[in-house]
Amino acid sequence: MFLLLLLLAKVLTRTQADPVPRATRLPVEAKDCHIAQFKSLSPKELQAFKTAKDAIERRLLEKDVRCSSHLFPRAWDVKQLQVQERPKALQAEVALTLKVWENMTDSALATILGQPLRTLSHIHSQLQTCTQPQPTAEPRPPSRRLSRWLHRLQEAQSKETPGCLEASVTLNLFRLLTRDLKCVASGDQCLFASGNLTCVCLLAPV
């Protein structure tokens, strides 16, 4: 009997010294990434962008804005980046467009730019959510191509004139909305491109 009580006391002591660990709870993000909703914009949204683009181009033509370089070269295509890097590149692209359009002080454009700016702001907020690093993920250094693109956009803000920045982001607008945004929203269904820059997306099986 004494030995049984001694053994029971030893077991209880060991259990108190080594408690069973509790399951670790990962922090829950306040928002989810819903970038897939932008695979295609509504005709109404696209028309609002076209109206704004046409108005800005008329304004630039009246001011006779001339630029010797193009901020977004023809070869610019987010499909050249790995899938996980594309939202970061698109975020910088949208952020610059927002900044330039928001700084346009022409009162005649205020009403025309209202809806497009709201749509761009919504897209940008979703991209910010999608590019937030996961708490458990190891940070990855950006590729050389992504670093060059981000540096190019950052550098342009101090080197280019306001008129040339307006011309660049406006000329790039529909490539951003109908190609780059669609590709990012399609995730890994938008295939990696090298050389021939043609958008190719996988079709869901019927």
N, C-alpha and C. Protein backbone atom coordinates (compact mmCIF):
# COMPACT_ATOMS: atom_id res chain seq x y z
N MET A 1 0.84 -1.21 0.00
CA MET A 1 0.00 0.00 0.00
C MET A 1 0.87 1.25 0.00
N PHE A 2 1.91 1.22 0.83
CA PHE A 2 2.82 2.37 0.92
C PHE A 2 3.52 2.61 -0.41
N LEU A 3 3.94 1.50 -1.08
CA LEU A 3 4.61 1.64 -2.36
C LEU A 3 3.67 2.21 -3.43
N LEU A 4 2.40 1.80 -3.35
CA LEU A 4 1.41 2.31 -4.31
C LEU A 4 1.20 3.81 -4.15
N LEU A 5 1.11 4.27 -2.89
CA LEU A 5 0.95 5.70 -2.64
C LEU A 5 2.18 6.48 -3.09
N LEU A 6 3.36 5.92 -2.88
CA LEU A 6 4.60 6.58 -3.28
C LEU A 6 4.67 6.73 -4.79
N LEU A 7 4.26 5.69 -5.51
CA LEU A 7 4.27 5.72 -6.97
C LEU A 7 3.27 6.74 -7.51
N LEU A 8 2.09 6.81 -6.87
CA LEU A 8 1.06 7.77 -7.28
C LEU A 8 1.53 9.20 -7.07
N ALA A 9 2.23 9.46 -5.95
CA ALA A 9 2.74 10.80 -5.66
C ALA A 9 3.78 11.22 -6.69
N LYS A 10 4.63 10.29 -7.13
CA LYS A 10 5.68 10.59 -8.11
C LYS A 10 5.06 10.95 -9.46
N VAL A 11 3.99 10.22 -9.83
CA VAL A 11 3.31 10.49 -11.10
C VAL A 11 2.67 11.86 -11.09
N LEU A 12 2.02 12.20 -9.97
CA LEU A 12 1.38 13.52 -9.86
C LEU A 12 2.40 14.65 -9.91
N THR A 13 3.54 14.44 -9.25
CA THR A 13 4.61 15.46 -9.24
C THR A 13 5.13 15.70 -10.64
N ARG A 14 5.35 14.64 -11.43
CA ARG A 14 5.87 14.77 -12.78
C ARG A 14 4.86 15.47 -13.68
N THR A 15 3.57 15.18 -13.47
CA THR A 15 2.53 15.81 -14.29
C THR A 15 2.47 17.31 -14.05
N GLN A 16 2.66 17.74 -12.79
CA GLN A 16 2.65 19.17 -12.46
C GLN A 16 3.89 19.86 -13.01
N ALA A 17 5.00 19.15 -13.05
CA ALA A 17 6.24 19.76 -13.52
C ALA A 17 6.24 19.91 -15.04
N ASP A 18 5.57 18.99 -15.74
CA ASP A 18 5.55 19.02 -17.20
C ASP A 18 4.11 19.09 -17.68
N PRO A 19 3.48 20.25 -17.63
CA PRO A 19 2.09 20.37 -18.05
C PRO A 19 1.96 20.14 -19.55
N VAL A 20 0.79 19.66 -19.94
CA VAL A 20 0.53 19.43 -21.36
C VAL A 20 0.44 20.78 -22.07
N PRO A 21 1.24 20.99 -23.13
CA PRO A 21 1.21 22.29 -23.81
C PRO A 21 -0.12 22.53 -24.50
N ARG A 22 -0.57 23.81 -24.51
CA ARG A 22 -1.81 24.17 -25.18
C ARG A 22 -1.53 24.41 -26.66
N ALA A 23 -2.56 24.21 -27.45
CA ALA A 23 -2.41 24.45 -28.89
C ALA A 23 -2.17 25.94 -29.14
N THR A 24 -1.19 26.24 -29.99
CA THR A 24 -0.87 27.63 -30.31
C THR A 24 -1.88 28.17 -31.31
N ARG A 25 -2.46 29.32 -31.01
CA ARG A 25 -3.42 29.94 -31.91
C ARG A 25 -2.71 30.98 -32.75
N LEU A 26 -2.86 30.87 -34.07
CA LEU A 26 -2.28 31.86 -34.95
C LEU A 26 -3.15 33.11 -34.95
N PRO A 27 -2.54 34.29 -35.04
CA PRO A 27 -3.35 35.51 -35.06
C PRO A 27 -4.24 35.55 -36.29
N VAL A 28 -5.47 35.99 -36.09
CA VAL A 28 -6.43 36.08 -37.19
C VAL A 28 -6.35 37.47 -37.79
N GLU A 29 -6.16 37.56 -39.11
CA GLU A 29 -6.06 38.85 -39.77
C GLU A 29 -7.42 39.55 -39.77
N ALA A 30 -7.38 40.89 -39.68
CA ALA A 30 -8.61 41.66 -39.65
C ALA A 30 -9.34 41.59 -40.98
N LYS A 31 -8.58 41.47 -42.05
CA LYS A 31 -9.19 41.42 -43.38
C LYS A 31 -8.62 40.24 -44.14
N ASP A 32 -9.41 39.77 -45.11
CA ASP A 32 -8.95 38.71 -45.99
C ASP A 32 -8.60 39.32 -47.35
N CYS A 33 -7.80 38.57 -48.07
CA CYS A 33 -7.41 39.02 -49.41
C CYS A 33 -8.50 38.62 -50.40
N HIS A 34 -9.13 39.62 -51.01
CA HIS A 34 -10.22 39.35 -51.95
C HIS A 34 -9.89 39.91 -53.33
N ILE A 35 -8.65 39.78 -53.74
CA ILE A 35 -8.23 40.37 -55.02
C ILE A 35 -8.88 39.67 -56.20
N ALA A 36 -9.35 38.43 -56.02
CA ALA A 36 -9.95 37.68 -57.13
C ALA A 36 -11.19 38.37 -57.69
N GLN A 37 -11.80 39.26 -56.92
CA GLN A 37 -13.01 39.94 -57.40
C GLN A 37 -12.72 40.88 -58.55
N PHE A 38 -11.44 41.18 -58.80
CA PHE A 38 -11.07 42.14 -59.84
C PHE A 38 -10.61 41.46 -61.14
N LYS A 39 -11.00 40.19 -61.34
CA LYS A 39 -10.66 39.54 -62.61
C LYS A 39 -11.24 40.29 -63.79
N SER A 40 -12.36 40.94 -63.57
CA SER A 40 -12.93 41.79 -64.61
C SER A 40 -13.74 42.89 -63.95
N LEU A 41 -13.53 44.11 -64.38
CA LEU A 41 -14.30 45.24 -63.87
C LEU A 41 -15.61 45.35 -64.64
N SER A 42 -16.58 45.98 -64.03
CA SER A 42 -17.89 46.13 -64.66
C SER A 42 -17.79 47.13 -65.83
N PRO A 43 -18.68 47.00 -66.82
CA PRO A 43 -18.69 47.97 -67.93
C PRO A 43 -18.82 49.41 -67.45
N LYS A 44 -19.59 49.62 -66.39
CA LYS A 44 -19.77 50.96 -65.85
C LYS A 44 -18.45 51.52 -65.31
N GLU A 45 -17.69 50.67 -64.60
CA GLU A 45 -16.40 51.11 -64.06
C GLU A 45 -15.42 51.41 -65.19
N LEU A 46 -15.37 50.53 -66.18
CA LEU A 46 -14.46 50.73 -67.31
C LEU A 46 -14.81 52.00 -68.09
N GLN A 47 -16.11 52.28 -68.23
CA GLN A 47 -16.53 53.49 -68.92
C GLN A 47 -16.10 54.73 -68.14
N ALA A 48 -16.19 54.68 -66.81
CA ALA A 48 -15.76 55.81 -65.98
C ALA A 48 -14.26 56.05 -66.16
N PHE A 49 -13.49 54.98 -66.24
CA PHE A 49 -12.05 55.12 -66.47
C PHE A 49 -11.77 55.68 -67.86
N LYS A 50 -12.52 55.24 -68.86
CA LYS A 50 -12.30 55.74 -70.21
C LYS A 50 -12.62 57.23 -70.30
N THR A 51 -13.70 57.64 -69.64
CA THR A 51 -14.06 59.06 -69.63
C THR A 51 -12.95 59.89 -68.99
N ALA A 52 -12.42 59.40 -67.87
CA ALA A 52 -11.33 60.11 -67.18
C ALA A 52 -10.08 60.14 -68.05
N LYS A 53 -9.75 59.02 -68.67
CA LYS A 53 -8.56 58.95 -69.52
C LYS A 53 -8.66 59.93 -70.69
N ASP A 54 -9.81 59.96 -71.34
CA ASP A 54 -10.00 60.88 -72.47
C ASP A 54 -9.87 62.33 -72.03
N ALA A 55 -10.44 62.66 -70.87
CA ALA A 55 -10.38 64.04 -70.38
C ALA A 55 -8.95 64.45 -70.04
N ILE A 56 -8.19 63.55 -69.43
CA ILE A 56 -6.80 63.86 -69.07
C ILE A 56 -5.96 64.01 -70.33
N GLU A 57 -6.18 63.16 -71.32
CA GLU A 57 -5.41 63.24 -72.56
C GLU A 57 -5.70 64.54 -73.30
N ARG A 58 -6.95 65.00 -73.29
CA ARG A 58 -7.27 66.30 -73.90
C ARG A 58 -6.54 67.41 -73.16
N ARG A 59 -6.51 67.32 -71.84
CA ARG A 59 -5.84 68.33 -71.02
C ARG A 59 -4.34 68.37 -71.33
N LEU A 60 -3.73 67.20 -71.43
CA LEU A 60 -2.29 67.12 -71.74
C LEU A 60 -2.00 67.65 -73.13
N LEU A 61 -2.92 67.39 -74.06
CA LEU A 61 -2.74 67.88 -75.43
C LEU A 61 -2.81 69.40 -75.48
N GLU A 62 -3.74 69.96 -74.72
CA GLU A 62 -3.87 71.41 -74.66
C GLU A 62 -2.62 72.05 -74.07
N LYS A 63 -2.01 71.38 -73.10
CA LYS A 63 -0.80 71.90 -72.46
C LYS A 63 0.46 71.58 -73.26
N ASP A 64 0.30 70.80 -74.34
CA ASP A 64 1.42 70.42 -75.19
C ASP A 64 2.55 69.76 -74.37
N VAL A 65 2.16 68.77 -73.57
CA VAL A 65 3.14 68.04 -72.74
C VAL A 65 3.93 67.09 -73.63
N ARG A 66 5.25 67.20 -73.57
CA ARG A 66 6.12 66.34 -74.36
C ARG A 66 7.08 65.62 -73.42
N CYS A 67 7.21 64.31 -73.60
CA CYS A 67 8.08 63.51 -72.74
C CYS A 67 9.03 62.70 -73.61
N SER A 68 10.27 62.65 -73.19
CA SER A 68 11.30 61.95 -73.98
C SER A 68 11.41 60.47 -73.64
N SER A 69 10.82 60.07 -72.52
CA SER A 69 10.93 58.66 -72.11
C SER A 69 9.56 58.16 -71.65
N HIS A 70 9.45 56.83 -71.57
CA HIS A 70 8.21 56.20 -71.14
C HIS A 70 8.46 55.47 -69.83
N LEU A 71 7.67 55.81 -68.83
CA LEU A 71 7.85 55.20 -67.51
C LEU A 71 7.52 53.71 -67.55
N PHE A 72 6.49 53.34 -68.30
CA PHE A 72 6.09 51.94 -68.41
C PHE A 72 6.44 51.45 -69.82
N PRO A 73 7.55 50.78 -69.99
CA PRO A 73 7.94 50.30 -71.32
C PRO A 73 6.99 49.23 -71.83
N ARG A 74 7.04 48.97 -73.12
CA ARG A 74 6.15 47.97 -73.71
C ARG A 74 6.34 46.59 -73.09
N ALA A 75 7.55 46.30 -72.65
CA ALA A 75 7.84 44.98 -72.09
C ALA A 75 7.35 44.81 -70.65
N TRP A 76 6.80 45.88 -70.06
CA TRP A 76 6.31 45.79 -68.67
C TRP A 76 5.14 44.82 -68.61
N ASP A 77 5.28 43.76 -67.86
CA ASP A 77 4.21 42.77 -67.76
C ASP A 77 4.42 41.97 -66.48
N VAL A 78 3.44 41.98 -65.60
CA VAL A 78 3.60 41.31 -64.31
C VAL A 78 3.77 39.80 -64.45
N LYS A 79 3.40 39.24 -65.62
CA LYS A 79 3.57 37.80 -65.80
C LYS A 79 5.04 37.39 -65.83
N GLN A 80 5.92 38.37 -65.98
CA GLN A 80 7.35 38.07 -65.94
C GLN A 80 7.85 37.80 -64.52
N LEU A 81 7.01 38.12 -63.54
CA LEU A 81 7.36 37.92 -62.14
C LEU A 81 6.77 36.61 -61.63
N GLN A 82 7.34 36.11 -60.55
CA GLN A 82 6.74 34.95 -59.90
C GLN A 82 5.39 35.36 -59.30
N VAL A 83 4.51 34.37 -59.14
CA VAL A 83 3.13 34.65 -58.70
C VAL A 83 3.10 35.45 -57.41
N GLN A 84 3.96 35.10 -56.44
CA GLN A 84 3.92 35.75 -55.13
C GLN A 84 4.44 37.19 -55.18
N GLU A 85 5.14 37.57 -56.27
CA GLU A 85 5.68 38.93 -56.37
C GLU A 85 4.74 39.87 -57.13
N ARG A 86 3.82 39.32 -57.88
CA ARG A 86 2.98 40.14 -58.74
C ARG A 86 2.12 41.16 -57.98
N PRO A 87 1.48 40.78 -56.86
CA PRO A 87 0.69 41.79 -56.14
C PRO A 87 1.52 42.98 -55.68
N LYS A 88 2.77 42.75 -55.30
CA LYS A 88 3.63 43.85 -54.86
C LYS A 88 3.91 44.82 -55.99
N ALA A 89 4.19 44.28 -57.19
CA ALA A 89 4.43 45.13 -58.35
C ALA A 89 3.18 45.91 -58.73
N LEU A 90 2.04 45.23 -58.73
CA LEU A 90 0.78 45.90 -59.07
C LEU A 90 0.42 46.94 -58.03
N GLN A 91 0.70 46.66 -56.78
CA GLN A 91 0.42 47.63 -55.71
C GLN A 91 1.18 48.93 -55.96
N ALA A 92 2.45 48.83 -56.35
CA ALA A 92 3.25 50.03 -56.63
C ALA A 92 2.71 50.76 -57.85
N GLU A 93 2.26 50.01 -58.84
CA GLU A 93 1.70 50.59 -60.06
C GLU A 93 0.41 51.37 -59.75
N VAL A 94 -0.47 50.76 -58.96
CA VAL A 94 -1.73 51.41 -58.59
C VAL A 94 -1.47 52.61 -57.68
N ALA A 95 -0.53 52.45 -56.75
CA ALA A 95 -0.23 53.54 -55.81
C ALA A 95 0.26 54.78 -56.54
N LEU A 96 1.12 54.59 -57.55
CA LEU A 96 1.62 55.73 -58.31
C LEU A 96 0.49 56.39 -59.10
N THR A 97 -0.36 55.59 -59.72
CA THR A 97 -1.49 56.14 -60.46
C THR A 97 -2.41 56.95 -59.55
N LEU A 98 -2.69 56.40 -58.38
CA LEU A 98 -3.51 57.12 -57.40
C LEU A 98 -2.87 58.45 -57.01
N LYS A 99 -1.60 58.41 -56.69
CA LYS A 99 -0.90 59.61 -56.23
C LYS A 99 -0.91 60.71 -57.29
N VAL A 100 -0.64 60.31 -58.52
CA VAL A 100 -0.59 61.30 -59.61
C VAL A 100 -1.97 61.88 -59.88
N TRP A 101 -2.98 61.03 -59.95
CA TRP A 101 -4.33 61.54 -60.23
C TRP A 101 -4.88 62.36 -59.07
N GLU A 102 -4.57 61.98 -57.86
CA GLU A 102 -5.06 62.75 -56.70
C GLU A 102 -4.42 64.13 -56.64
N ASN A 103 -3.22 64.28 -57.21
CA ASN A 103 -2.52 65.56 -57.17
C ASN A 103 -2.91 66.49 -58.33
N MET A 104 -3.79 66.03 -59.19
CA MET A 104 -4.22 66.88 -60.30
C MET A 104 -5.22 67.90 -59.76
N THR A 105 -4.89 69.16 -59.92
CA THR A 105 -5.66 70.24 -59.28
C THR A 105 -6.70 70.88 -60.20
N ASP A 106 -6.82 70.38 -61.41
CA ASP A 106 -7.78 70.94 -62.36
C ASP A 106 -9.20 70.67 -61.84
N SER A 107 -9.94 71.74 -61.53
CA SER A 107 -11.27 71.58 -60.96
C SER A 107 -12.24 70.91 -61.94
N ALA A 108 -11.98 71.05 -63.22
CA ALA A 108 -12.87 70.45 -64.22
C ALA A 108 -12.79 68.93 -64.20
N LEU A 109 -11.72 68.37 -63.63
CA LEU A 109 -11.54 66.92 -63.59
C LEU A 109 -12.06 66.30 -62.30
N ALA A 110 -12.39 67.13 -61.33
CA ALA A 110 -12.74 66.61 -60.00
C ALA A 110 -13.89 65.61 -60.06
N THR A 111 -14.97 65.97 -60.75
CA THR A 111 -16.13 65.08 -60.84
C THR A 111 -15.83 63.84 -61.67
N ILE A 112 -15.10 64.03 -62.77
CA ILE A 112 -14.79 62.93 -63.68
C ILE A 112 -13.90 61.89 -63.01
N LEU A 113 -12.98 62.35 -62.15
CA LEU A 113 -12.03 61.43 -61.52
C LEU A 113 -12.59 60.77 -60.26
N GLY A 114 -13.73 61.23 -59.78
CA GLY A 114 -14.27 60.73 -58.51
C GLY A 114 -14.42 59.22 -58.46
N GLN A 115 -15.20 58.64 -59.38
CA GLN A 115 -15.45 57.20 -59.36
C GLN A 115 -14.19 56.39 -59.65
N PRO A 116 -13.38 56.75 -60.66
CA PRO A 116 -12.14 56.00 -60.89
C PRO A 116 -11.20 56.01 -59.68
N LEU A 117 -11.11 57.13 -58.98
CA LEU A 117 -10.24 57.19 -57.80
C LEU A 117 -10.76 56.29 -56.69
N ARG A 118 -12.07 56.23 -56.54
CA ARG A 118 -12.64 55.34 -55.51
C ARG A 118 -12.35 53.87 -55.85
N THR A 119 -12.48 53.52 -57.12
CA THR A 119 -12.21 52.15 -57.54
C THR A 119 -10.74 51.81 -57.35
N LEU A 120 -9.84 52.70 -57.74
CA LEU A 120 -8.40 52.48 -57.56
C LEU A 120 -8.04 52.36 -56.09
N SER A 121 -8.68 53.19 -55.25
CA SER A 121 -8.41 53.12 -53.80
C SER A 121 -8.84 51.77 -53.23
N HIS A 122 -9.97 51.26 -53.70
CA HIS A 122 -10.45 49.96 -53.24
C HIS A 122 -9.51 48.84 -53.68
N ILE A 123 -9.06 48.90 -54.93
CA ILE A 123 -8.10 47.91 -55.43
C ILE A 123 -6.81 47.97 -54.62
N HIS A 124 -6.34 49.18 -54.35
CA HIS A 124 -5.09 49.35 -53.60
C HIS A 124 -5.20 48.80 -52.19
N SER A 125 -6.34 49.03 -51.54
CA SER A 125 -6.51 48.52 -50.17
C SER A 125 -6.50 46.99 -50.15
N GLN A 126 -7.08 46.36 -51.16
CA GLN A 126 -7.06 44.91 -51.23
C GLN A 126 -5.65 44.39 -51.49
N LEU A 127 -4.91 45.09 -52.33
CA LEU A 127 -3.52 44.69 -52.60
C LEU A 127 -2.66 44.82 -51.35
N GLN A 128 -2.91 45.85 -50.55
CA GLN A 128 -2.17 46.00 -49.30
C GLN A 128 -2.41 44.81 -48.38
N THR A 129 -3.66 44.37 -48.32
CA THR A 129 -4.00 43.20 -47.51
C THR A 129 -3.31 41.95 -48.04
N CYS A 130 -3.30 41.81 -49.36
CA CYS A 130 -2.74 40.61 -49.98
C CYS A 130 -1.21 40.55 -49.87
N THR A 131 -0.57 41.69 -49.71
CA THR A 131 0.90 41.71 -49.66
C THR A 131 1.44 41.74 -48.23
N GLN A 132 0.56 41.73 -47.23
CA GLN A 132 1.02 41.68 -45.84
C GLN A 132 1.69 40.33 -45.58
N PRO A 133 2.91 40.33 -45.03
CA PRO A 133 3.58 39.05 -44.77
C PRO A 133 2.87 38.25 -43.68
N GLN A 134 2.80 36.95 -43.88
CA GLN A 134 2.21 36.08 -42.87
C GLN A 134 3.14 35.99 -41.66
N PRO A 135 2.58 35.93 -40.45
CA PRO A 135 3.43 35.90 -39.24
C PRO A 135 4.41 34.73 -39.21
N THR A 136 4.02 33.61 -39.79
CA THR A 136 4.87 32.42 -39.72
C THR A 136 5.76 32.25 -40.94
N ALA A 137 5.61 33.15 -41.91
CA ALA A 137 6.38 33.00 -43.15
C ALA A 137 7.72 33.71 -43.05
N GLU A 138 8.75 33.09 -43.63
CA GLU A 138 10.05 33.72 -43.66
C GLU A 138 10.07 34.76 -44.79
N PRO A 139 10.58 35.97 -44.51
CA PRO A 139 10.61 37.00 -45.55
C PRO A 139 11.54 36.60 -46.70
N ARG A 140 11.07 36.82 -47.91
CA ARG A 140 11.86 36.50 -49.09
C ARG A 140 12.38 37.78 -49.73
N PRO A 141 13.64 37.82 -50.07
CA PRO A 141 14.14 39.02 -50.75
C PRO A 141 13.53 39.12 -52.14
N PRO A 142 13.20 40.33 -52.60
CA PRO A 142 12.59 40.47 -53.93
C PRO A 142 13.56 40.07 -55.02
N SER A 143 13.04 39.61 -56.13
CA SER A 143 13.88 39.26 -57.26
C SER A 143 14.50 40.52 -57.85
N ARG A 144 15.51 40.32 -58.68
CA ARG A 144 16.18 41.47 -59.29
C ARG A 144 15.23 42.25 -60.18
N ARG A 145 14.37 41.55 -60.90
CA ARG A 145 13.42 42.23 -61.80
C ARG A 145 12.43 43.08 -61.00
N LEU A 146 11.87 42.52 -59.93
CA LEU A 146 10.94 43.28 -59.10
C LEU A 146 11.63 44.48 -58.47
N SER A 147 12.83 44.31 -57.99
CA SER A 147 13.58 45.42 -57.38
C SER A 147 13.78 46.55 -58.39
N ARG A 148 14.10 46.18 -59.62
CA ARG A 148 14.29 47.21 -60.67
C ARG A 148 13.00 47.95 -60.95
N TRP A 149 11.89 47.20 -61.02
CA TRP A 149 10.61 47.84 -61.30
C TRP A 149 10.21 48.81 -60.19
N LEU A 150 10.33 48.36 -58.95
CA LEU A 150 9.96 49.21 -57.82
C LEU A 150 10.84 50.45 -57.76
N HIS A 151 12.13 50.27 -58.04
CA HIS A 151 13.06 51.41 -58.03
C HIS A 151 12.70 52.39 -59.15
N ARG A 152 12.34 51.86 -60.31
CA ARG A 152 11.98 52.72 -61.44
C ARG A 152 10.78 53.60 -61.11
N LEU A 153 9.76 53.02 -60.48
CA LEU A 153 8.58 53.79 -60.13
C LEU A 153 8.88 54.82 -59.05
N GLN A 154 9.70 54.45 -58.08
CA GLN A 154 10.06 55.37 -57.01
C GLN A 154 10.90 56.52 -57.54
N GLU A 155 11.86 56.20 -58.38
CA GLU A 155 12.76 57.22 -58.92
C GLU A 155 12.02 58.21 -59.82
N ALA A 156 11.03 57.72 -60.56
CA ALA A 156 10.30 58.58 -61.50
C ALA A 156 9.59 59.72 -60.79
N GLN A 157 9.18 59.51 -59.55
CA GLN A 157 8.43 60.53 -58.82
C GLN A 157 9.27 61.78 -58.53
N SER A 158 10.58 61.62 -58.51
CA SER A 158 11.45 62.78 -58.28
C SER A 158 12.10 63.28 -59.56
N LYS A 159 12.15 62.45 -60.60
CA LYS A 159 12.84 62.83 -61.82
C LYS A 159 11.91 63.34 -62.91
N GLU A 160 10.69 62.78 -62.99
CA GLU A 160 9.77 63.16 -64.06
C GLU A 160 8.98 64.42 -63.69
N THR A 161 8.60 65.18 -64.70
CA THR A 161 7.75 66.35 -64.46
C THR A 161 6.33 65.87 -64.17
N PRO A 162 5.52 66.69 -63.50
CA PRO A 162 4.13 66.29 -63.23
C PRO A 162 3.38 65.93 -64.51
N GLY A 163 3.59 66.69 -65.57
CA GLY A 163 2.91 66.41 -66.83
C GLY A 163 3.27 65.05 -67.40
N CYS A 164 4.55 64.70 -67.34
CA CYS A 164 4.99 63.41 -67.87
C CYS A 164 4.51 62.25 -66.99
N LEU A 165 4.43 62.48 -65.69
CA LEU A 165 3.87 61.45 -64.82
C LEU A 165 2.39 61.22 -65.13
N GLU A 166 1.66 62.32 -65.34
CA GLU A 166 0.25 62.19 -65.70
C GLU A 166 0.10 61.44 -67.01
N ALA A 167 0.94 61.77 -67.99
CA ALA A 167 0.87 61.11 -69.29
C ALA A 167 1.20 59.62 -69.16
N SER A 168 2.22 59.29 -68.35
CA SER A 168 2.65 57.89 -68.22
C SER A 168 1.59 57.02 -67.58
N VAL A 169 1.04 57.47 -66.43
CA VAL A 169 0.07 56.62 -65.73
C VAL A 169 -1.25 56.55 -66.50
N THR A 170 -1.59 57.61 -67.24
CA THR A 170 -2.83 57.60 -68.02
C THR A 170 -2.70 56.70 -69.24
N LEU A 171 -1.54 56.75 -69.90
CA LEU A 171 -1.31 55.87 -71.04
C LEU A 171 -1.27 54.41 -70.61
N ASN A 172 -0.79 54.16 -69.40
CA ASN A 172 -0.67 52.79 -68.88
C ASN A 172 -1.96 52.27 -68.27
N LEU A 173 -2.98 53.13 -68.15
CA LEU A 173 -4.16 52.82 -67.35
C LEU A 173 -4.84 51.51 -67.74
N PHE A 174 -5.14 51.33 -69.03
CA PHE A 174 -5.92 50.15 -69.41
C PHE A 174 -5.07 48.88 -69.45
N ARG A 175 -3.76 49.03 -69.57
CA ARG A 175 -2.92 47.84 -69.40
C ARG A 175 -2.96 47.41 -67.93
N LEU A 176 -2.95 48.37 -67.02
CA LEU A 176 -3.06 48.08 -65.59
C LEU A 176 -4.38 47.38 -65.28
N LEU A 177 -5.48 47.92 -65.80
CA LEU A 177 -6.82 47.44 -65.42
C LEU A 177 -7.20 46.12 -66.08
N THR A 178 -6.83 45.94 -67.35
CA THR A 178 -7.32 44.79 -68.10
C THR A 178 -6.28 43.68 -68.28
N ARG A 179 -5.01 43.97 -67.97
CA ARG A 179 -4.00 42.92 -68.11
C ARG A 179 -3.33 42.61 -66.78
N ASP A 180 -2.67 43.61 -66.18
CA ASP A 180 -1.93 43.36 -64.94
C ASP A 180 -2.88 42.99 -63.79
N LEU A 181 -3.96 43.74 -63.63
CA LEU A 181 -4.91 43.46 -62.56
C LEU A 181 -5.57 42.10 -62.75
N LYS A 182 -5.95 41.80 -63.98
CA LYS A 182 -6.58 40.50 -64.27
C LYS A 182 -5.62 39.36 -63.96
N CYS A 183 -4.35 39.54 -64.31
CA CYS A 183 -3.36 38.50 -64.06
C CYS A 183 -3.18 38.26 -62.57
N VAL A 184 -3.02 39.33 -61.79
CA VAL A 184 -2.85 39.18 -60.35
C VAL A 184 -4.09 38.56 -59.72
N ALA A 185 -5.26 38.98 -60.18
CA ALA A 185 -6.51 38.44 -59.64
C ALA A 185 -6.69 36.96 -59.98
N SER A 186 -6.05 36.50 -61.05
CA SER A 186 -6.16 35.10 -61.46
C SER A 186 -5.17 34.21 -60.72
N GLY A 187 -4.24 34.80 -59.96
CA GLY A 187 -3.29 34.01 -59.18
C GLY A 187 -2.43 33.12 -60.05
N ASP A 188 -2.26 31.86 -59.64
CA ASP A 188 -1.39 30.96 -60.38
C ASP A 188 -2.02 30.44 -61.67
N GLN A 189 -3.25 30.89 -61.97
CA GLN A 189 -3.85 30.54 -63.26
C GLN A 189 -3.33 31.44 -64.38
N CYS A 190 -2.68 32.55 -64.01
CA CYS A 190 -2.05 33.41 -65.00
C CYS A 190 -0.62 32.92 -65.17
N LEU A 191 -0.32 32.36 -66.31
CA LEU A 191 0.93 31.64 -66.50
C LEU A 191 2.12 32.59 -66.59
N PHE A 192 3.26 32.10 -66.10
CA PHE A 192 4.51 32.84 -66.18
C PHE A 192 4.90 33.03 -67.63
N ALA A 193 5.34 34.22 -67.99
CA ALA A 193 5.72 34.51 -69.37
C ALA A 193 7.19 34.84 -69.45
N SER A 194 7.84 34.35 -70.47
CA SER A 194 9.22 34.72 -70.75
C SER A 194 9.35 34.84 -72.26
N GLY A 195 9.78 36.00 -72.68
CA GLY A 195 9.90 36.22 -74.12
C GLY A 195 8.61 36.77 -74.69
N ASN A 196 7.72 35.90 -75.17
CA ASN A 196 6.47 36.34 -75.78
C ASN A 196 5.47 36.73 -74.70
N LEU A 197 5.09 37.97 -74.63
CA LEU A 197 4.26 38.48 -73.55
C LEU A 197 2.79 38.45 -73.95
N THR A 198 2.24 37.28 -74.03
CA THR A 198 0.83 37.13 -74.34
C THR A 198 0.13 36.55 -73.13
N CYS A 199 -0.98 37.19 -72.71
CA CYS A 199 -1.67 36.72 -71.52
C CYS A 199 -2.30 35.36 -71.78
N VAL A 200 -1.94 34.39 -70.96
CA VAL A 200 -2.50 33.06 -71.10
C VAL A 200 -3.05 32.66 -69.73
N CYS A 201 -4.32 32.31 -69.67
CA CYS A 201 -4.92 31.89 -68.41
C CYS A 201 -5.52 30.50 -68.58
N LEU A 202 -5.38 29.67 -67.57
CA LEU A 202 -5.92 28.33 -67.63
C LEU A 202 -7.44 28.39 -67.54
N LEU A 203 -8.10 27.55 -68.29
CA LEU A 203 -9.55 27.48 -68.25
C LEU A 203 -9.96 26.39 -67.28
N ALA A 204 -10.98 26.65 -66.50
CA ALA A 204 -11.48 25.65 -65.57
C ALA A 204 -12.10 24.50 -66.35
N PRO A 205 -11.90 23.27 -65.92
CA PRO A 205 -12.47 22.15 -66.65
C PRO A 205 -13.98 22.17 -66.63
N VAL A 206 -14.58 21.82 -67.74
CA VAL A 206 -16.05 21.83 -67.85
C VAL A 206 -16.63 20.58 -67.21
